[in-house]
Amino acid sequence: MEELRKERIEQLVDYIMKKCLWQFHSRAWDRRDQNENILLKTKQILCDEKVALETPADRCYWVDAVLLAEAYREKYAWLEGLPKEEVADIMKGVHERMDYLTIDGSLNQELTDQHY
């Protein structure tokens, strides 16, 4: 079961890495904000939860989340058959993996350059 979870997480991460430009912000804090907010809103959309749209930033993240959720539903039919708790767990894994790949495990020193 854990192997299947990891495989599904990697499929979703692979899509982001190949298709989503928002992962390429030049500072670590920007990437962390993007990962947190877009992936949270994507999870909320996939799980039919309420999505906060109070601020301009919320709405900006929401647009990317809508596009990502639509692509996930179209490309990964297995999402539709999962309980919402499992979708939420997989999206948590996607968020953790994206943080590692784009921030915490990245060798890009510009991410932490204070003058950049």
PDB file of N, CA and C in Angstrom:
ATOM      1  N   MET A   1       0.831  -1.198   0.000  1.00  0.00           N
ATOM      2  CA  MET A   1       0.000   0.000   0.000  1.00  0.00           C
ATOM      3  C   MET A   1       0.869   1.253   0.000  1.00  0.00           C
ATOM      4  N   GLU A   2       1.929   1.236   0.796  1.00  0.00           N
ATOM      5  CA  GLU A   2       2.829   2.392   0.856  1.00  0.00           C
ATOM      6  C   GLU A   2       3.526   2.614  -0.485  1.00  0.00           C
ATOM      7  N   GLU A   3       3.851   1.520  -1.162  1.00  0.00           N
ATOM      8  CA  GLU A   3       4.494   1.631  -2.483  1.00  0.00           C
ATOM      9  C   GLU A   3       3.557   2.296  -3.489  1.00  0.00           C
ATOM     10  N   LEU A   4       2.284   1.939  -3.453  1.00  0.00           N
ATOM     11  CA  LEU A   4       1.296   2.546  -4.346  1.00  0.00           C
ATOM     12  C   LEU A   4       1.137   4.035  -4.038  1.00  0.00           C
ATOM     13  N   ARG A   5       1.120   4.397  -2.747  1.00  0.00           N
ATOM     14  CA  ARG A   5       1.025   5.807  -2.345  1.00  0.00           C
ATOM     15  C   ARG A   5       2.203   6.593  -2.915  1.00  0.00           C
ATOM     16  N   LYS A   6       3.414   6.056  -2.755  1.00  0.00           N
ATOM     17  CA  LYS A   6       4.609   6.731  -3.265  1.00  0.00           C
ATOM     18  C   LYS A   6       4.566   6.883  -4.782  1.00  0.00           C
ATOM     19  N   GLU A   7       4.102   5.854  -5.468  1.00  0.00           N
ATOM     20  CA  GLU A   7       3.995   5.905  -6.929  1.00  0.00           C
ATOM     21  C   GLU A   7       3.022   7.003  -7.366  1.00  0.00           C
ATOM     22  N   ARG A   8       1.908   7.098  -6.668  1.00  0.00           N
ATOM     23  CA  ARG A   8       0.918   8.123  -6.998  1.00  0.00           C
ATOM     24  C   ARG A   8       1.452   9.522  -6.719  1.00  0.00           C
ATOM     25  N   ILE A   9       2.126   9.678  -5.605  1.00  0.00           N
ATOM     26  CA  ILE A   9       2.739  10.973  -5.285  1.00  0.00           C
ATOM     27  C   ILE A   9       3.722  11.366  -6.382  1.00  0.00           C
ATOM     28  N   GLU A  10       4.550  10.439  -6.792  1.00  0.00           N
ATOM     29  CA  GLU A  10       5.548  10.731  -7.828  1.00  0.00           C
ATOM     30  C   GLU A  10       4.900  11.088  -9.165  1.00  0.00           C
ATOM     31  N   GLN A  11       3.787  10.452  -9.492  1.00  0.00           N
ATOM     32  CA  GLN A  11       3.080  10.805 -10.718  1.00  0.00           C
ATOM     33  C   GLN A  11       2.617  12.266 -10.676  1.00  0.00           C
ATOM     34  N   LEU A  12       2.044  12.670  -9.548  1.00  0.00           N
ATOM     35  CA  LEU A  12       1.543  14.038  -9.417  1.00  0.00           C
ATOM     36  C   LEU A  12       2.685  15.049  -9.379  1.00  0.00           C
ATOM     37  N   VAL A  13       3.757  14.707  -8.688  1.00  0.00           N
ATOM     38  CA  VAL A  13       4.937  15.582  -8.640  1.00  0.00           C
ATOM     39  C   VAL A  13       5.548  15.707 -10.029  1.00  0.00           C
ATOM     40  N   ASP A  14       5.640  14.608 -10.738  1.00  0.00           N
ATOM     41  CA  ASP A  14       6.207  14.621 -12.083  1.00  0.00           C
ATOM     42  C   ASP A  14       5.432  15.578 -12.991  1.00  0.00           C
ATOM     43  N   TYR A  15       4.122  15.580 -12.864  1.00  0.00           N
ATOM     44  CA  TYR A  15       3.312  16.499 -13.664  1.00  0.00           C
ATOM     45  C   TYR A  15       3.696  17.951 -13.355  1.00  0.00           C
ATOM     46  N   ILE A  16       3.791  18.285 -12.066  1.00  0.00           N
ATOM     47  CA  ILE A  16       4.159  19.650 -11.671  1.00  0.00           C
ATOM     48  C   ILE A  16       5.536  20.011 -12.215  1.00  0.00           C
ATOM     49  N   MET A  17       6.488  19.105 -12.054  1.00  0.00           N
ATOM     50  CA  MET A  17       7.865  19.389 -12.472  1.00  0.00           C
ATOM     51  C   MET A  17       7.965  19.620 -13.982  1.00  0.00           C
ATOM     52  N   LYS A  18       7.089  19.002 -14.748  1.00  0.00           N
ATOM     53  CA  LYS A  18       7.142  19.133 -16.204  1.00  0.00           C
ATOM     54  C   LYS A  18       6.237  20.225 -16.758  1.00  0.00           C
ATOM     55  N   LYS A  19       5.175  20.592 -16.044  1.00  0.00           N
ATOM     56  CA  LYS A  19       4.151  21.453 -16.630  1.00  0.00           C
ATOM     57  C   LYS A  19       3.880  22.768 -15.901  1.00  0.00           C
ATOM     58  N   CYS A  20       4.363  22.939 -14.681  1.00  0.00           N
ATOM     59  CA  CYS A  20       3.974  24.109 -13.878  1.00  0.00           C
ATOM     60  C   CYS A  20       5.141  25.068 -13.661  1.00  0.00           C
ATOM     61  N   LEU A  21       5.001  26.262 -14.168  1.00  0.00           N
ATOM     62  CA  LEU A  21       6.073  27.252 -14.039  1.00  0.00           C
ATOM     63  C   LEU A  21       6.183  27.843 -12.635  1.00  0.00           C
ATOM     64  N   TRP A  22       5.122  27.773 -11.846  1.00  0.00           N
ATOM     65  CA  TRP A  22       5.153  28.392 -10.530  1.00  0.00           C
ATOM     66  C   TRP A  22       6.198  27.792  -9.596  1.00  0.00           C
ATOM     67  N   GLN A  23       6.707  26.635  -9.895  1.00  0.00           N
ATOM     68  CA  GLN A  23       7.720  26.002  -9.037  1.00  0.00           C
ATOM     69  C   GLN A  23       9.091  26.674  -9.144  1.00  0.00           C
ATOM     70  N   PHE A  24       9.261  27.577 -10.118  1.00  0.00           N
ATOM     71  CA  PHE A  24      10.584  28.124 -10.405  1.00  0.00           C
ATOM     72  C   PHE A  24      10.874  29.497  -9.813  1.00  0.00           C
ATOM     73  N   HIS A  25      10.140  29.930  -8.807  1.00  0.00           N
ATOM     74  CA  HIS A  25      10.460  31.208  -8.182  1.00  0.00           C
ATOM     75  C   HIS A  25      11.908  31.196  -7.704  1.00  0.00           C
ATOM     76  N   SER A  26      12.515  32.371  -7.663  1.00  0.00           N
ATOM     77  CA  SER A  26      13.962  32.450  -7.432  1.00  0.00           C
ATOM     78  C   SER A  26      14.355  32.501  -5.960  1.00  0.00           C
ATOM     79  N   ARG A  27      13.404  32.586  -5.051  1.00  0.00           N
ATOM     80  CA  ARG A  27      13.741  32.616  -3.628  1.00  0.00           C
ATOM     81  C   ARG A  27      13.013  31.489  -2.903  1.00  0.00           C
ATOM     82  N   ALA A  28      13.652  30.964  -1.894  1.00  0.00           N
ATOM     83  CA  ALA A  28      13.089  29.828  -1.150  1.00  0.00           C
ATOM     84  C   ALA A  28      11.733  30.183  -0.546  1.00  0.00           C
ATOM     85  N   TRP A  29      11.606  31.368   0.041  1.00  0.00           N
ATOM     86  CA  TRP A  29      10.334  31.719   0.681  1.00  0.00           C
ATOM     87  C   TRP A  29       9.206  31.830  -0.342  1.00  0.00           C
ATOM     88  N   ASP A  30       9.497  32.298  -1.564  1.00  0.00           N
ATOM     89  CA  ASP A  30       8.489  32.336  -2.623  1.00  0.00           C
ATOM     90  C   ASP A  30       8.050  30.926  -2.996  1.00  0.00           C
ATOM     91  N   ARG A  31       9.014  30.040  -3.133  1.00  0.00           N
ATOM     92  CA  ARG A  31       8.690  28.658  -3.487  1.00  0.00           C
ATOM     93  C   ARG A  31       7.862  28.000  -2.382  1.00  0.00           C
ATOM     94  N   ARG A  32       8.234  28.269  -1.127  1.00  0.00           N
ATOM     95  CA  ARG A  32       7.497  27.677  -0.007  1.00  0.00           C
ATOM     96  C   ARG A  32       6.054  28.174   0.006  1.00  0.00           C
ATOM     97  N   ASP A  33       5.876  29.482  -0.214  1.00  0.00           N
ATOM     98  CA  ASP A  33       4.520  30.049  -0.277  1.00  0.00           C
ATOM     99  C   ASP A  33       3.717  29.431  -1.418  1.00  0.00           C
ATOM    100  N   GLN A  34       4.342  29.339  -2.587  1.00  0.00           N
ATOM    101  CA  GLN A  34       3.660  28.761  -3.741  1.00  0.00           C
ATOM    102  C   GLN A  34       3.260  27.314  -3.460  1.00  0.00           C
ATOM    103  N   ASN A  35       4.204  26.511  -2.999  1.00  0.00           N
ATOM    104  CA  ASN A  35       3.909  25.108  -2.715  1.00  0.00           C
ATOM    105  C   ASN A  35       2.776  24.991  -1.696  1.00  0.00           C
ATOM    106  N   GLU A  36       2.885  25.730  -0.621  1.00  0.00           N
ATOM    107  CA  GLU A  36       1.892  25.658   0.455  1.00  0.00           C
ATOM    108  C   GLU A  36       0.502  26.032  -0.056  1.00  0.00           C
ATOM    109  N   ASN A  37       0.407  27.164  -0.685  1.00  0.00           N
ATOM    110  CA  ASN A  37      -0.907  27.695  -1.050  1.00  0.00           C
ATOM    111  C   ASN A  37      -1.528  27.012  -2.261  1.00  0.00           C
ATOM    112  N   ILE A  38      -0.767  26.783  -3.302  1.00  0.00           N
ATOM    113  CA  ILE A  38      -1.332  26.131  -4.486  1.00  0.00           C
ATOM    114  C   ILE A  38      -1.712  24.683  -4.175  1.00  0.00           C
ATOM    115  N   LEU A  39      -0.838  23.979  -3.481  1.00  0.00           N
ATOM    116  CA  LEU A  39      -1.131  22.573  -3.202  1.00  0.00           C
ATOM    117  C   LEU A  39      -2.256  22.420  -2.176  1.00  0.00           C
ATOM    118  N   LEU A  40      -2.343  23.336  -1.213  1.00  0.00           N
ATOM    119  CA  LEU A  40      -3.464  23.308  -0.264  1.00  0.00           C
ATOM    120  C   LEU A  40      -4.779  23.520  -1.013  1.00  0.00           C
ATOM    121  N   LYS A  41      -4.811  24.528  -1.868  1.00  0.00           N
ATOM    122  CA  LYS A  41      -6.038  24.815  -2.609  1.00  0.00           C
ATOM    123  C   LYS A  41      -6.369  23.698  -3.606  1.00  0.00           C
ATOM    124  N   THR A  42      -5.352  23.086  -4.187  1.00  0.00           N
ATOM    125  CA  THR A  42      -5.586  21.950  -5.069  1.00  0.00           C
ATOM    126  C   THR A  42      -6.228  20.806  -4.293  1.00  0.00           C
ATOM    127  N   LYS A  43      -5.708  20.532  -3.109  1.00  0.00           N
ATOM    128  CA  LYS A  43      -6.293  19.489  -2.251  1.00  0.00           C
ATOM    129  C   LYS A  43      -7.734  19.828  -1.906  1.00  0.00           C
ATOM    130  N   GLN A  44      -7.994  21.082  -1.564  1.00  0.00           N
ATOM    131  CA  GLN A  44      -9.350  21.491  -1.211  1.00  0.00           C
ATOM    132  C   GLN A  44     -10.309  21.298  -2.391  1.00  0.00           C
ATOM    133  N   ILE A  45      -9.852  21.642  -3.595  1.00  0.00           N
ATOM    134  CA  ILE A  45     -10.688  21.465  -4.789  1.00  0.00           C
ATOM    135  C   ILE A  45     -10.952  19.985  -5.030  1.00  0.00           C
ATOM    136  N   LEU A  46      -9.901  19.173  -4.973  1.00  0.00           N
ATOM    137  CA  LEU A  46     -10.050  17.735  -5.219  1.00  0.00           C
ATOM    138  C   LEU A  46     -10.928  17.051  -4.176  1.00  0.00           C
ATOM    139  N   CYS A  47     -10.940  17.598  -2.962  1.00  0.00           N
ATOM    140  CA  CYS A  47     -11.719  17.005  -1.870  1.00  0.00           C
ATOM    141  C   CYS A  47     -13.061  17.712  -1.653  1.00  0.00           C
ATOM    142  N   ASP A  48     -13.430  18.596  -2.582  1.00  0.00           N
ATOM    143  CA  ASP A  48     -14.696  19.336  -2.500  1.00  0.00           C
ATOM    144  C   ASP A  48     -14.834  20.123  -1.204  1.00  0.00           C
ATOM    145  N   GLU A  49     -13.730  20.725  -0.766  1.00  0.00           N
ATOM    146  CA  GLU A  49     -13.730  21.557   0.442  1.00  0.00           C
ATOM    147  C   GLU A  49     -13.853  23.026   0.048  1.00  0.00           C
ATOM    148  N   LYS A  50     -14.209  23.848   1.013  1.00  0.00           N
ATOM    149  CA  LYS A  50     -14.284  25.293   0.786  1.00  0.00           C
ATOM    150  C   LYS A  50     -12.873  25.841   0.582  1.00  0.00           C
ATOM    151  N   VAL A  51     -12.738  26.731  -0.391  1.00  0.00           N
ATOM    152  CA  VAL A  51     -11.447  27.351  -0.694  1.00  0.00           C
ATOM    153  C   VAL A  51     -11.540  28.830  -0.364  1.00  0.00           C
ATOM    154  N   ALA A  52     -10.613  29.330   0.462  1.00  0.00           N
ATOM    155  CA  ALA A  52     -10.593  30.750   0.826  1.00  0.00           C
ATOM    156  C   ALA A  52     -10.156  31.578  -0.375  1.00  0.00           C
ATOM    157  N   LEU A  53     -10.928  32.632  -0.662  1.00  0.00           N
ATOM    158  CA  LEU A  53     -10.617  33.522  -1.783  1.00  0.00           C
ATOM    159  C   LEU A  53     -10.695  34.986  -1.352  1.00  0.00           C
ATOM    160  N   GLU A  54     -10.355  35.274  -0.104  1.00  0.00           N
ATOM    161  CA  GLU A  54     -10.520  36.624   0.432  1.00  0.00           C
ATOM    162  C   GLU A  54      -9.508  37.639  -0.098  1.00  0.00           C
ATOM    163  N   THR A  55      -8.276  37.214  -0.318  1.00  0.00           N
ATOM    164  CA  THR A  55      -7.235  38.168  -0.708  1.00  0.00           C
ATOM    165  C   THR A  55      -6.861  37.986  -2.180  1.00  0.00           C
ATOM    166  N   PRO A  56      -6.221  38.999  -2.764  1.00  0.00           N
ATOM    167  CA  PRO A  56      -5.727  38.819  -4.142  1.00  0.00           C
ATOM    168  C   PRO A  56      -4.765  37.639  -4.255  1.00  0.00           C
ATOM    169  N   ALA A  57      -3.935  37.427  -3.253  1.00  0.00           N
ATOM    170  CA  ALA A  57      -3.004  36.290  -3.274  1.00  0.00           C
ATOM    171  C   ALA A  57      -3.774  34.972  -3.268  1.00  0.00           C
ATOM    172  N   ASP A  58      -4.828  34.883  -2.446  1.00  0.00           N
ATOM    173  CA  ASP A  58      -5.662  33.677  -2.428  1.00  0.00           C
ATOM    174  C   ASP A  58      -6.201  33.376  -3.814  1.00  0.00           C
ATOM    175  N   ARG A  59      -6.682  34.410  -4.483  1.00  0.00           N
ATOM    176  CA  ARG A  59      -7.265  34.212  -5.813  1.00  0.00           C
ATOM    177  C   ARG A  59      -6.207  33.819  -6.837  1.00  0.00           C
ATOM    178  N   CYS A  60      -5.020  34.368  -6.702  1.00  0.00           N
ATOM    179  CA  CYS A  60      -3.918  34.019  -7.605  1.00  0.00           C
ATOM    180  C   CYS A  60      -3.534  32.544  -7.426  1.00  0.00           C
ATOM    181  N   TYR A  61      -3.364  32.119  -6.186  1.00  0.00           N
ATOM    182  CA  TYR A  61      -3.039  30.714  -5.922  1.00  0.00           C
ATOM    183  C   TYR A  61      -4.178  29.800  -6.390  1.00  0.00           C
ATOM    184  N   TRP A  62      -5.412  30.252  -6.201  1.00  0.00           N
ATOM    185  CA  TRP A  62      -6.589  29.471  -6.580  1.00  0.00           C
ATOM    186  C   TRP A  62      -6.607  29.177  -8.078  1.00  0.00           C
ATOM    187  N   VAL A  63      -6.243  30.170  -8.897  1.00  0.00           N
ATOM    188  CA  VAL A  63      -6.234  29.962 -10.353  1.00  0.00           C
ATOM    189  C   VAL A  63      -5.278  28.825 -10.716  1.00  0.00           C
ATOM    190  N   ASP A  64      -4.072  28.853 -10.168  1.00  0.00           N
ATOM    191  CA  ASP A  64      -3.122  27.760 -10.434  1.00  0.00           C
ATOM    192  C   ASP A  64      -3.658  26.430  -9.903  1.00  0.00           C
ATOM    193  N   ALA A  65      -4.311  26.467  -8.743  1.00  0.00           N
ATOM    194  CA  ALA A  65      -4.857  25.243  -8.148  1.00  0.00           C
ATOM    195  C   ALA A  65      -5.985  24.659  -9.005  1.00  0.00           C
ATOM    196  N   VAL A  66      -6.838  25.511  -9.548  1.00  0.00           N
ATOM    197  CA  VAL A  66      -7.922  25.035 -10.413  1.00  0.00           C
ATOM    198  C   VAL A  66      -7.341  24.325 -11.632  1.00  0.00           C
ATOM    199  N   LEU A  67      -6.349  24.946 -12.260  1.00  0.00           N
ATOM    200  CA  LEU A  67      -5.728  24.339 -13.438  1.00  0.00           C
ATOM    201  C   LEU A  67      -5.055  23.015 -13.092  1.00  0.00           C
ATOM    202  N   LEU A  68      -4.380  22.974 -11.946  1.00  0.00           N
ATOM    203  CA  LEU A  68      -3.709  21.745 -11.535  1.00  0.00           C
ATOM    204  C   LEU A  68      -4.724  20.648 -11.215  1.00  0.00           C
ATOM    205  N   ALA A  69      -5.773  20.990 -10.490  1.00  0.00           N
ATOM    206  CA  ALA A  69      -6.800  20.004 -10.148  1.00  0.00           C
ATOM    207  C   ALA A  69      -7.473  19.459 -11.413  1.00  0.00           C
ATOM    208  N   GLU A  70      -7.764  20.334 -12.365  1.00  0.00           N
ATOM    209  CA  GLU A  70      -8.371  19.885 -13.624  1.00  0.00           C
ATOM    210  C   GLU A  70      -7.437  18.926 -14.367  1.00  0.00           C
ATOM    211  N   ALA A  71      -6.168  19.265 -14.422  1.00  0.00           N
ATOM    212  CA  ALA A  71      -5.196  18.405 -15.104  1.00  0.00           C
ATOM    213  C   ALA A  71      -5.074  17.065 -14.392  1.00  0.00           C
ATOM    214  N   TYR A  72      -5.030  17.105 -13.070  1.00  0.00           N
ATOM    215  CA  TYR A  72      -4.937  15.856 -12.307  1.00  0.00           C
ATOM    216  C   TYR A  72      -6.152  14.968 -12.578  1.00  0.00           C
ATOM    217  N   ARG A  73      -7.345  15.551 -12.556  1.00  0.00           N
ATOM    218  CA  ARG A  73      -8.566  14.755 -12.786  1.00  0.00           C
ATOM    219  C   ARG A  73      -8.582  14.166 -14.194  1.00  0.00           C
ATOM    220  N   GLU A  74      -8.086  14.937 -15.151  1.00  0.00           N
ATOM    221  CA  GLU A  74      -8.079  14.475 -16.534  1.00  0.00           C
ATOM    222  C   GLU A  74      -7.045  13.377 -16.757  1.00  0.00           C
ATOM    223  N   LYS A  75      -5.874  13.557 -16.194  1.00  0.00           N
ATOM    224  CA  LYS A  75      -4.746  12.660 -16.470  1.00  0.00           C
ATOM    225  C   LYS A  75      -4.694  11.445 -15.534  1.00  0.00           C
ATOM    226  N   TYR A  76      -5.167  11.591 -14.321  1.00  0.00           N
ATOM    227  CA  TYR A  76      -5.048  10.531 -13.310  1.00  0.00           C
ATOM    228  C   TYR A  76      -6.437  10.119 -12.819  1.00  0.00           C
ATOM    229  N   ALA A  77      -7.080   9.278 -13.588  1.00  0.00           N
ATOM    230  CA  ALA A  77      -8.455   8.845 -13.289  1.00  0.00           C
ATOM    231  C   ALA A  77      -8.554   8.161 -11.922  1.00  0.00           C
ATOM    232  N   TRP A  78      -7.461   7.590 -11.451  1.00  0.00           N
ATOM    233  CA  TRP A  78      -7.492   6.898 -10.164  1.00  0.00           C
ATOM    234  C   TRP A  78      -7.847   7.838  -9.012  1.00  0.00           C
ATOM    235  N   LEU A  79      -7.655   9.144  -9.180  1.00  0.00           N
ATOM    236  CA  LEU A  79      -8.007  10.105  -8.121  1.00  0.00           C
ATOM    237  C   LEU A  79      -9.496  10.068  -7.794  1.00  0.00           C
ATOM    238  N   GLU A  80     -10.322   9.925  -8.823  1.00  0.00           N
ATOM    239  CA  GLU A  80     -11.780   9.960  -8.629  1.00  0.00           C
ATOM    240  C   GLU A  80     -12.293   8.808  -7.777  1.00  0.00           C
ATOM    241  N   GLY A  81     -11.606   7.697  -7.792  1.00  0.00           N
ATOM    242  CA  GLY A  81     -12.065   6.539  -7.041  1.00  0.00           C
ATOM    243  C   GLY A  81     -11.596   6.490  -5.600  1.00  0.00           C
ATOM    244  N   LEU A  82     -10.783   7.451  -5.201  1.00  0.00           N
ATOM    245  CA  LEU A  82     -10.219   7.422  -3.840  1.00  0.00           C
ATOM    246  C   LEU A  82     -11.094   8.175  -2.846  1.00  0.00           C
ATOM    247  N   PRO A  83     -11.121   7.705  -1.594  1.00  0.00           N
ATOM    248  CA  PRO A  83     -11.785   8.479  -0.541  1.00  0.00           C
ATOM    249  C   PRO A  83     -11.057   9.821  -0.352  1.00  0.00           C
ATOM    250  N   LYS A  84     -11.788  10.823   0.062  1.00  0.00           N
ATOM    251  CA  LYS A  84     -11.204  12.161   0.224  1.00  0.00           C
ATOM    252  C   LYS A  84     -10.022  12.162   1.191  1.00  0.00           C
ATOM    253  N   GLU A  85     -10.078  11.324   2.216  1.00  0.00           N
ATOM    254  CA  GLU A  85      -8.978  11.252   3.184  1.00  0.00           C
ATOM    255  C   GLU A  85      -7.693  10.787   2.500  1.00  0.00           C
ATOM    256  N   GLU A  86      -7.836   9.853   1.571  1.00  0.00           N
ATOM    257  CA  GLU A  86      -6.667   9.341   0.858  1.00  0.00           C
ATOM    258  C   GLU A  86      -6.124  10.372  -0.128  1.00  0.00           C
ATOM    259  N   VAL A  87      -7.018  11.096  -0.786  1.00  0.00           N
ATOM    260  CA  VAL A  87      -6.590  12.175  -1.685  1.00  0.00           C
ATOM    261  C   VAL A  87      -5.829  13.227  -0.871  1.00  0.00           C
ATOM    262  N   ALA A  88      -6.350  13.579   0.290  1.00  0.00           N
ATOM    263  CA  ALA A  88      -5.685  14.565   1.153  1.00  0.00           C
ATOM    264  C   ALA A  88      -4.303  14.071   1.575  1.00  0.00           C
ATOM    265  N   ASP A  89      -4.197  12.796   1.898  1.00  0.00           N
ATOM    266  CA  ASP A  89      -2.910  12.222   2.294  1.00  0.00           C
ATOM    267  C   ASP A  89      -1.908  12.249   1.137  1.00  0.00           C
ATOM    268  N   ILE A  90      -2.372  11.921  -0.047  1.00  0.00           N
ATOM    269  CA  ILE A  90      -1.494  11.951  -1.222  1.00  0.00           C
ATOM    270  C   ILE A  90      -1.047  13.383  -1.498  1.00  0.00           C
ATOM    271  N   MET A  91      -1.959  14.338  -1.394  1.00  0.00           N
ATOM    272  CA  MET A  91      -1.587  15.745  -1.636  1.00  0.00           C
ATOM    273  C   MET A  91      -0.608  16.250  -0.572  1.00  0.00           C
ATOM    274  N   LYS A  92      -0.727  15.750   0.653  1.00  0.00           N
ATOM    275  CA  LYS A  92       0.255  16.094   1.692  1.00  0.00           C
ATOM    276  C   LYS A  92       1.629  15.575   1.279  1.00  0.00           C
ATOM    277  N   GLY A  93       1.660  14.360   0.752  1.00  0.00           N
ATOM    278  CA  GLY A  93       2.914  13.789   0.264  1.00  0.00           C
ATOM    279  C   GLY A  93       3.479  14.566  -0.915  1.00  0.00           C
ATOM    280  N   VAL A  94       2.612  15.025  -1.807  1.00  0.00           N
ATOM    281  CA  VAL A  94       3.056  15.856  -2.941  1.00  0.00           C
ATOM    282  C   VAL A  94       3.689  17.132  -2.420  1.00  0.00           C
ATOM    283  N   HIS A  95       3.052  17.762  -1.441  1.00  0.00           N
ATOM    284  CA  HIS A  95       3.577  19.001  -0.859  1.00  0.00           C
ATOM    285  C   HIS A  95       4.954  18.758  -0.228  1.00  0.00           C
ATOM    286  N   GLU A  96       5.085  17.712   0.544  1.00  0.00           N
ATOM    287  CA  GLU A  96       6.368  17.394   1.179  1.00  0.00           C
ATOM    288  C   GLU A  96       7.450  17.139   0.132  1.00  0.00           C
ATOM    289  N   ARG A  97       7.108  16.397  -0.893  1.00  0.00           N
ATOM    290  CA  ARG A  97       8.082  16.075  -1.952  1.00  0.00           C
ATOM    291  C   ARG A  97       8.483  17.324  -2.737  1.00  0.00           C
ATOM    292  N   MET A  98       7.513  18.182  -3.037  1.00  0.00           N
ATOM    293  CA  MET A  98       7.813  19.429  -3.756  1.00  0.00           C
ATOM    294  C   MET A  98       8.706  20.342  -2.914  1.00  0.00           C
ATOM    295  N   ASP A  99       8.434  20.441  -1.622  1.00  0.00           N
ATOM    296  CA  ASP A  99       9.300  21.246  -0.755  1.00  0.00           C
ATOM    297  C   ASP A  99      10.722  20.705  -0.775  1.00  0.00           C
ATOM    298  N   TYR A 100      10.854  19.387  -0.737  1.00  0.00           N
ATOM    299  CA  TYR A 100      12.190  18.801  -0.765  1.00  0.00           C
ATOM    300  C   TYR A 100      12.880  19.080  -2.103  1.00  0.00           C
ATOM    301  N   LEU A 101      12.206  18.800  -3.189  1.00  0.00           N
ATOM    302  CA  LEU A 101      12.830  18.938  -4.508  1.00  0.00           C
ATOM    303  C   LEU A 101      13.144  20.382  -4.873  1.00  0.00           C
ATOM    304  N   THR A 102      12.258  21.293  -4.522  1.00  0.00           N
ATOM    305  CA  THR A 102      12.429  22.682  -4.978  1.00  0.00           C
ATOM    306  C   THR A 102      13.075  23.601  -3.952  1.00  0.00           C
ATOM    307  N   ILE A 103      13.175  23.164  -2.704  1.00  0.00           N
ATOM    308  CA  ILE A 103      13.726  24.046  -1.665  1.00  0.00           C
ATOM    309  C   ILE A 103      14.773  23.325  -0.823  1.00  0.00           C
ATOM    310  N   ASP A 104      14.305  22.435   0.041  1.00  0.00           N
ATOM    311  CA  ASP A 104      15.163  21.846   1.069  1.00  0.00           C
ATOM    312  C   ASP A 104      16.278  20.970   0.508  1.00  0.00           C
ATOM    313  N   GLY A 105      16.029  20.275  -0.577  1.00  0.00           N
ATOM    314  CA  GLY A 105      17.049  19.418  -1.181  1.00  0.00           C
ATOM    315  C   GLY A 105      17.736  20.054  -2.372  1.00  0.00           C
ATOM    316  N   SER A 106      17.347  21.277  -2.693  1.00  0.00           N
ATOM    317  CA  SER A 106      17.903  21.950  -3.871  1.00  0.00           C
ATOM    318  C   SER A 106      19.339  22.406  -3.620  1.00  0.00           C
ATOM    319  N   LEU A 107      20.163  22.275  -4.635  1.00  0.00           N
ATOM    320  CA  LEU A 107      21.551  22.756  -4.563  1.00  0.00           C
ATOM    321  C   LEU A 107      21.678  24.182  -5.090  1.00  0.00           C
ATOM    322  N   ASN A 108      20.576  24.804  -5.477  1.00  0.00           N
ATOM    323  CA  ASN A 108      20.564  26.155  -6.003  1.00  0.00           C
ATOM    324  C   ASN A 108      20.833  27.152  -4.874  1.00  0.00           C
ATOM    325  N   GLN A 109      22.033  27.704  -4.829  1.00  0.00           N
ATOM    326  CA  GLN A 109      22.413  28.620  -3.755  1.00  0.00           C
ATOM    327  C   GLN A 109      21.727  29.980  -3.859  1.00  0.00           C
ATOM    328  N   GLU A 110      21.199  30.310  -5.023  1.00  0.00           N
ATOM    329  CA  GLU A 110      20.485  31.570  -5.169  1.00  0.00           C
ATOM    330  C   GLU A 110      19.211  31.599  -4.331  1.00  0.00           C
ATOM    331  N   LEU A 111      18.679  30.445  -3.999  1.00  0.00           N
ATOM    332  CA  LEU A 111      17.455  30.386  -3.205  1.00  0.00           C
ATOM    333  C   LEU A 111      17.610  31.049  -1.845  1.00  0.00           C
ATOM    334  N   THR A 112      18.832  31.009  -1.316  1.00  0.00           N
ATOM    335  CA  THR A 112      19.059  31.564   0.019  1.00  0.00           C
ATOM    336  C   THR A 112      19.951  32.794   0.021  1.00  0.00           C
ATOM    337  N   ASP A 113      20.279  33.314  -1.163  1.00  0.00           N
ATOM    338  CA  ASP A 113      21.108  34.521  -1.274  1.00  0.00           C
ATOM    339  C   ASP A 113      20.297  35.733  -0.801  1.00  0.00           C
ATOM    340  N   GLN A 114      20.770  36.391   0.238  1.00  0.00           N
ATOM    341  CA  GLN A 114      20.042  37.522   0.830  1.00  0.00           C
ATOM    342  C   GLN A 114      20.008  38.740  -0.087  1.00  0.00           C
ATOM    343  N   HIS A 115      20.902  38.798  -1.073  1.00  0.00           N
ATOM    344  CA  HIS A 115      20.959  39.961  -1.963  1.00  0.00           C
ATOM    345  C   HIS A 115      20.227  39.734  -3.270  1.00  0.00           C
ATOM    346  N   TYR A 116      19.573  38.624  -3.387  1.00  0.00           N
ATOM    347  CA  TYR A 116      18.914  38.290  -4.647  1.00  0.00           C
ATOM    348  C   TYR A 116      17.460  38.659  -4.610  1.00  0.00           C
TER     349      TYR A 116
END
